[in-house]
Amino acid sequence: MAGRTRTIETGVVAAFREHESALRAFVSRLVASRDDVDDVTQEAFLRAFNAEKARRVRRPRSFLFTIARNLVLSDFARKSNQLTESMADLDDLTVLDDCKVEAEIQAEESFAEYCRAVSRLPLQCRRVFLLRKVYALSHREIANRLGIAVSTVEKHLAKGVRECSEYLDRMHK
């Protein structure tokens, strides 16, 4: 027995070992790439593990899934903000002639308005809308990824198009 070290498995470690495949499946419905699934799953574990060092985690499985969901939502919000900010940053335009610059500015402003319209959609509707319009996933792929019916995907897309159009119409009146 001398020389052997006993390691005590914490609640988070045990929950992660037992539910890793379910956690990965959950994350894969929320993100676009396999690399993102790996990153979010690992980051969720690390954050839960570190949090458990400071205090006891009562429901480690729920804690892991909540952290994973929050990581995806935070990343989504960050990327949405970056997209909006990059559209607003017009300082890097090369001035070739006034007509081209004016057209570019108008296009940038239109795109920024469109981004604002999309950001106002309800969360699930926005996810469906972006998976279709940005990532070009099929209705079936979106349904599988989010764990919803294809008909629900179609309803969310229709709602997204309608609400974005209405928002843009109100902005141009």
C-alpha atoms as a PDB file:
ATOM      1  CA  MET A   1       0.000   0.000   0.000  1.00  0.00           C
ATOM      2  CA  ALA A   2       2.907   2.357   0.547  1.00  0.00           C
ATOM      3  CA  GLY A   3       3.480   4.701  -2.366  1.00  0.00           C
ATOM      4  CA  ARG A   4      -0.104   4.516  -3.622  1.00  0.00           C
ATOM      5  CA  THR A   5      -2.097   7.692  -3.708  1.00  0.00           C
ATOM      6  CA  ARG A   6      -5.836   7.640  -3.204  1.00  0.00           C
ATOM      7  CA  THR A   7      -7.773  10.087  -5.273  1.00  0.00           C
ATOM      8  CA  ILE A   8     -11.252  11.060  -4.298  1.00  0.00           C
ATOM      9  CA  GLU A   9     -13.571  11.582  -7.222  1.00  0.00           C
ATOM     10  CA  THR A  10     -15.554  14.778  -6.808  1.00  0.00           C
ATOM     11  CA  GLY A  11     -19.211  15.152  -7.721  1.00  0.00           C
ATOM     12  CA  VAL A  12     -18.380  17.142 -10.844  1.00  0.00           C
ATOM     13  CA  VAL A  13     -15.799  14.609 -12.022  1.00  0.00           C
ATOM     14  CA  ALA A  14     -18.222  11.730 -11.426  1.00  0.00           C
ATOM     15  CA  ALA A  15     -21.067  13.571 -13.185  1.00  0.00           C
ATOM     16  CA  PHE A  16     -18.834  14.427 -16.117  1.00  0.00           C
ATOM     17  CA  ARG A  17     -17.653  10.827 -16.495  1.00  0.00           C
ATOM     18  CA  GLU A  18     -21.198   9.505 -16.304  1.00  0.00           C
ATOM     19  CA  HIS A  19     -22.882  12.128 -18.509  1.00  0.00           C
ATOM     20  CA  GLU A  20     -20.135  13.254 -20.907  1.00  0.00           C
ATOM     21  CA  SER A  21     -21.846  11.770 -23.968  1.00  0.00           C
ATOM     22  CA  ALA A  22     -25.189  13.364 -23.039  1.00  0.00           C
ATOM     23  CA  LEU A  23     -23.437  16.688 -22.419  1.00  0.00           C
ATOM     24  CA  ARG A  24     -21.692  16.471 -25.807  1.00  0.00           C
ATOM     25  CA  ALA A  25     -25.019  15.648 -27.517  1.00  0.00           C
ATOM     26  CA  PHE A  26     -26.651  18.617 -25.776  1.00  0.00           C
ATOM     27  CA  VAL A  27     -23.860  20.989 -26.836  1.00  0.00           C
ATOM     28  CA  SER A  28     -23.855  19.659 -30.410  1.00  0.00           C
ATOM     29  CA  ARG A  29     -27.463  20.828 -30.774  1.00  0.00           C
ATOM     30  CA  LEU A  30     -26.391  24.368 -29.872  1.00  0.00           C
ATOM     31  CA  VAL A  31     -23.158  24.909 -31.805  1.00  0.00           C
ATOM     32  CA  ALA A  32     -22.161  24.630 -35.442  1.00  0.00           C
ATOM     33  CA  SER A  33     -18.940  22.609 -35.460  1.00  0.00           C
ATOM     34  CA  ARG A  34     -17.467  19.540 -33.803  1.00  0.00           C
ATOM     35  CA  ASP A  35     -14.511  21.605 -32.599  1.00  0.00           C
ATOM     36  CA  ASP A  36     -16.956  23.910 -30.826  1.00  0.00           C
ATOM     37  CA  VAL A  37     -18.568  20.884 -29.155  1.00  0.00           C
ATOM     38  CA  ASP A  38     -15.153  19.805 -27.848  1.00  0.00           C
ATOM     39  CA  ASP A  39     -14.274  23.320 -26.690  1.00  0.00           C
ATOM     40  CA  VAL A  40     -17.571  23.977 -24.922  1.00  0.00           C
ATOM     41  CA  THR A  41     -17.642  20.543 -23.273  1.00  0.00           C
ATOM     42  CA  GLN A  42     -14.080  20.907 -21.975  1.00  0.00           C
ATOM     43  CA  GLU A  43     -14.629  24.484 -20.830  1.00  0.00           C
ATOM     44  CA  ALA A  44     -17.843  23.517 -19.019  1.00  0.00           C
ATOM     45  CA  PHE A  45     -16.004  20.741 -17.179  1.00  0.00           C
ATOM     46  CA  LEU A  46     -13.096  23.010 -16.238  1.00  0.00           C
ATOM     47  CA  ARG A  47     -15.360  25.766 -14.950  1.00  0.00           C
ATOM     48  CA  ALA A  48     -17.480  23.317 -12.957  1.00  0.00           C
ATOM     49  CA  PHE A  49     -14.373  21.603 -11.577  1.00  0.00           C
ATOM     50  CA  ASN A  50     -12.843  24.936 -10.510  1.00  0.00           C
ATOM     51  CA  ALA A  51     -16.124  26.136  -9.013  1.00  0.00           C
ATOM     52  CA  GLU A  52     -16.351  22.941  -6.998  1.00  0.00           C
ATOM     53  CA  LYS A  53     -12.977  23.715  -5.426  1.00  0.00           C
ATOM     54  CA  ALA A  54     -14.541  26.802  -3.838  1.00  0.00           C
ATOM     55  CA  ARG A  55     -17.845  25.283  -2.771  1.00  0.00           C
ATOM     56  CA  ARG A  56     -19.824  22.049  -2.857  1.00  0.00           C
ATOM     57  CA  VAL A  57     -21.947  21.622  -5.982  1.00  0.00           C
ATOM     58  CA  ARG A  58     -25.328  20.128  -5.051  1.00  0.00           C
ATOM     59  CA  ARG A  59     -26.389  18.946  -8.512  1.00  0.00           C
ATOM     60  CA  PRO A  60     -23.201  18.494 -10.556  1.00  0.00           C
ATOM     61  CA  ARG A  61     -24.965  17.158 -13.686  1.00  0.00           C
ATOM     62  CA  SER A  62     -27.327  20.154 -13.862  1.00  0.00           C
ATOM     63  CA  PHE A  63     -24.423  22.450 -13.061  1.00  0.00           C
ATOM     64  CA  LEU A  64     -22.402  21.085 -16.018  1.00  0.00           C
ATOM     65  CA  PHE A  65     -25.317  21.445 -18.452  1.00  0.00           C
ATOM     66  CA  THR A  66     -26.096  24.969 -17.221  1.00  0.00           C
ATOM     67  CA  ILE A  67     -22.485  26.062 -17.632  1.00  0.00           C
ATOM     68  CA  ALA A  68     -22.367  24.561 -21.145  1.00  0.00           C
ATOM     69  CA  ARG A  69     -25.579  26.346 -22.139  1.00  0.00           C
ATOM     70  CA  ASN A  70     -24.326  29.646 -20.721  1.00  0.00           C
ATOM     71  CA  LEU A  71     -20.993  29.287 -22.545  1.00  0.00           C
ATOM     72  CA  VAL A  72     -22.805  28.812 -25.861  1.00  0.00           C
ATOM     73  CA  LEU A  73     -25.122  31.750 -25.206  1.00  0.00           C
ATOM     74  CA  SER A  74     -22.229  33.984 -24.165  1.00  0.00           C
ATOM     75  CA  ASP A  75     -20.264  33.047 -27.268  1.00  0.00           C
ATOM     76  CA  PHE A  76     -23.313  33.645 -29.441  1.00  0.00           C
ATOM     77  CA  ALA A  77     -23.871  37.078 -27.884  1.00  0.00           C
ATOM     78  CA  ARG A  78     -20.178  37.951 -28.272  1.00  0.00           C
ATOM     79  CA  LYS A  79     -20.180  36.954 -31.942  1.00  0.00           C
ATOM     80  CA  SER A  80     -23.394  38.878 -32.578  1.00  0.00           C
ATOM     81  CA  ASN A  81     -21.879  41.967 -30.960  1.00  0.00           C
ATOM     82  CA  GLN A  82     -18.670  41.592 -32.958  1.00  0.00           C
ATOM     83  CA  LEU A  83     -20.651  41.330 -36.160  1.00  0.00           C
ATOM     84  CA  THR A  84     -22.659  44.441 -35.336  1.00  0.00           C
ATOM     85  CA  GLU A  85     -19.553  46.362 -34.243  1.00  0.00           C
ATOM     86  CA  SER A  86     -17.578  45.386 -37.325  1.00  0.00           C
ATOM     87  CA  MET A  87     -20.374  46.670 -39.500  1.00  0.00           C
ATOM     88  CA  ALA A  88     -20.353  49.958 -37.629  1.00  0.00           C
ATOM     89  CA  ASP A  89     -16.593  50.398 -37.976  1.00  0.00           C
ATOM     90  CA  LEU A  90     -16.305  52.381 -41.181  1.00  0.00           C
ATOM     91  CA  ASP A  91     -12.867  53.870 -40.528  1.00  0.00           C
ATOM     92  CA  ASP A  92     -11.095  51.256 -42.648  1.00  0.00           C
ATOM     93  CA  LEU A  93     -12.926  52.050 -45.884  1.00  0.00           C
ATOM     94  CA  THR A  94     -10.667  52.836 -48.789  1.00  0.00           C
ATOM     95  CA  VAL A  95     -11.870  55.976 -50.497  1.00  0.00           C
ATOM     96  CA  LEU A  96     -11.856  55.366 -54.224  1.00  0.00           C
ATOM     97  CA  ASP A  97     -14.677  57.634 -55.245  1.00  0.00           C
ATOM     98  CA  ASP A  98     -17.627  59.199 -53.471  1.00  0.00           C
ATOM     99  CA  CYS A  99     -20.269  56.987 -55.116  1.00  0.00           C
ATOM    100  CA  LYS A 100     -18.563  53.748 -54.109  1.00  0.00           C
ATOM    101  CA  VAL A 101     -17.991  54.941 -50.556  1.00  0.00           C
ATOM    102  CA  GLU A 102     -21.586  56.082 -50.216  1.00  0.00           C
ATOM    103  CA  ALA A 103     -22.846  52.731 -51.533  1.00  0.00           C
ATOM    104  CA  GLU A 104     -20.583  50.861 -49.101  1.00  0.00           C
ATOM    105  CA  ILE A 105     -21.748  52.966 -46.172  1.00  0.00           C
ATOM    106  CA  GLN A 106     -25.361  52.400 -47.147  1.00  0.00           C
ATOM    107  CA  ALA A 107     -24.757  48.652 -47.400  1.00  0.00           C
ATOM    108  CA  GLU A 108     -23.014  48.625 -44.000  1.00  0.00           C
ATOM    109  CA  GLU A 109     -25.886  50.531 -42.408  1.00  0.00           C
ATOM    110  CA  SER A 110     -28.446  48.207 -43.979  1.00  0.00           C
ATOM    111  CA  PHE A 111     -26.561  45.179 -42.735  1.00  0.00           C
ATOM    112  CA  ALA A 112     -26.275  46.664 -39.232  1.00  0.00           C
ATOM    113  CA  GLU A 113     -30.053  47.275 -39.235  1.00  0.00           C
ATOM    114  CA  TYR A 114     -30.592  43.683 -40.331  1.00  0.00           C
ATOM    115  CA  CYS A 115     -28.343  42.459 -37.482  1.00  0.00           C
ATOM    116  CA  ARG A 116     -30.356  44.521 -35.011  1.00  0.00           C
ATOM    117  CA  ALA A 117     -33.575  43.022 -36.405  1.00  0.00           C
ATOM    118  CA  VAL A 118     -32.207  39.488 -35.981  1.00  0.00           C
ATOM    119  CA  SER A 119     -30.965  40.239 -32.450  1.00  0.00           C
ATOM    120  CA  ARG A 120     -34.537  41.161 -31.441  1.00  0.00           C
ATOM    121  CA  LEU A 121     -35.922  37.718 -32.340  1.00  0.00           C
ATOM    122  CA  PRO A 122     -36.809  35.311 -29.514  1.00  0.00           C
ATOM    123  CA  LEU A 123     -33.848  33.064 -28.641  1.00  0.00           C
ATOM    124  CA  GLN A 124     -34.997  29.798 -30.256  1.00  0.00           C
ATOM    125  CA  CYS A 125     -36.283  31.642 -33.343  1.00  0.00           C
ATOM    126  CA  ARG A 126     -32.931  33.484 -33.616  1.00  0.00           C
ATOM    127  CA  ARG A 127     -30.988  30.226 -33.329  1.00  0.00           C
ATOM    128  CA  VAL A 128     -33.031  28.633 -36.120  1.00  0.00           C
ATOM    129  CA  PHE A 129     -32.814  31.760 -38.263  1.00  0.00           C
ATOM    130  CA  LEU A 130     -29.016  32.052 -37.906  1.00  0.00           C
ATOM    131  CA  LEU A 131     -28.381  28.345 -38.435  1.00  0.00           C
ATOM    132  CA  ARG A 132     -30.283  28.634 -41.708  1.00  0.00           C
ATOM    133  CA  LYS A 133     -29.142  32.053 -42.939  1.00  0.00           C
ATOM    134  CA  VAL A 134     -25.561  32.157 -41.641  1.00  0.00           C
ATOM    135  CA  TYR A 135     -24.547  28.501 -41.473  1.00  0.00           C
ATOM    136  CA  ALA A 136     -26.780  27.398 -44.407  1.00  0.00           C
ATOM    137  CA  LEU A 137     -27.970  24.280 -42.604  1.00  0.00           C
ATOM    138  CA  SER A 138     -30.972  22.438 -44.009  1.00  0.00           C
ATOM    139  CA  HIS A 139     -34.259  22.380 -42.140  1.00  0.00           C
ATOM    140  CA  ARG A 140     -33.600  18.743 -41.182  1.00  0.00           C
ATOM    141  CA  GLU A 141     -30.078  19.531 -39.899  1.00  0.00           C
ATOM    142  CA  ILE A 142     -31.414  22.394 -37.798  1.00  0.00           C
ATOM    143  CA  ALA A 143     -34.205  20.206 -36.412  1.00  0.00           C
ATOM    144  CA  ASN A 144     -31.718  17.479 -35.461  1.00  0.00           C
ATOM    145  CA  ARG A 145     -29.255  19.918 -33.935  1.00  0.00           C
ATOM    146  CA  LEU A 146     -31.867  21.687 -31.793  1.00  0.00           C
ATOM    147  CA  GLY A 147     -33.982  18.619 -31.044  1.00  0.00           C
ATOM    148  CA  ILE A 148     -37.149  20.056 -32.576  1.00  0.00           C
ATOM    149  CA  ALA A 149     -39.468  19.054 -35.410  1.00  0.00           C
ATOM    150  CA  VAL A 150     -38.833  20.193 -38.997  1.00  0.00           C
ATOM    151  CA  SER A 151     -42.255  21.888 -38.944  1.00  0.00           C
ATOM    152  CA  THR A 152     -41.125  23.875 -35.890  1.00  0.00           C
ATOM    153  CA  VAL A 153     -38.003  24.931 -37.773  1.00  0.00           C
ATOM    154  CA  GLU A 154     -40.190  26.134 -40.644  1.00  0.00           C
ATOM    155  CA  LYS A 155     -42.443  28.075 -38.249  1.00  0.00           C
ATOM    156  CA  HIS A 156     -39.446  29.737 -36.590  1.00  0.00           C
ATOM    157  CA  LEU A 157     -37.992  30.675 -39.985  1.00  0.00           C
ATOM    158  CA  ALA A 158     -41.290  32.146 -41.153  1.00  0.00           C
ATOM    159  CA  LYS A 159     -41.612  34.086 -37.901  1.00  0.00           C
ATOM    160  CA  GLY A 160     -38.003  35.307 -38.180  1.00  0.00           C
ATOM    161  CA  VAL A 161     -38.462  36.527 -41.744  1.00  0.00           C
ATOM    162  CA  ARG A 162     -41.768  38.199 -40.867  1.00  0.00           C
ATOM    163  CA  GLU A 163     -40.471  39.921 -37.712  1.00  0.00           C
ATOM    164  CA  CYS A 164     -37.259  41.077 -39.369  1.00  0.00           C
ATOM    165  CA  SER A 165     -39.200  42.480 -42.323  1.00  0.00           C
ATOM    166  CA  GLU A 166     -41.625  44.275 -39.996  1.00  0.00           C
ATOM    167  CA  TYR A 167     -38.747  45.718 -37.973  1.00  0.00           C
ATOM    168  CA  LEU A 168     -36.953  46.951 -41.092  1.00  0.00           C
ATOM    169  CA  ASP A 169     -40.188  48.436 -42.443  1.00  0.00           C
ATOM    170  CA  ARG A 170     -40.686  50.352 -39.178  1.00  0.00           C
ATOM    171  CA  MET A 171     -37.097  51.653 -39.348  1.00  0.00           C
ATOM    172  CA  HIS A 172     -37.584  53.006 -42.868  1.00  0.00           C
ATOM    173  CA  LYS A 173     -40.821  54.877 -42.202  1.00  0.00           C
END
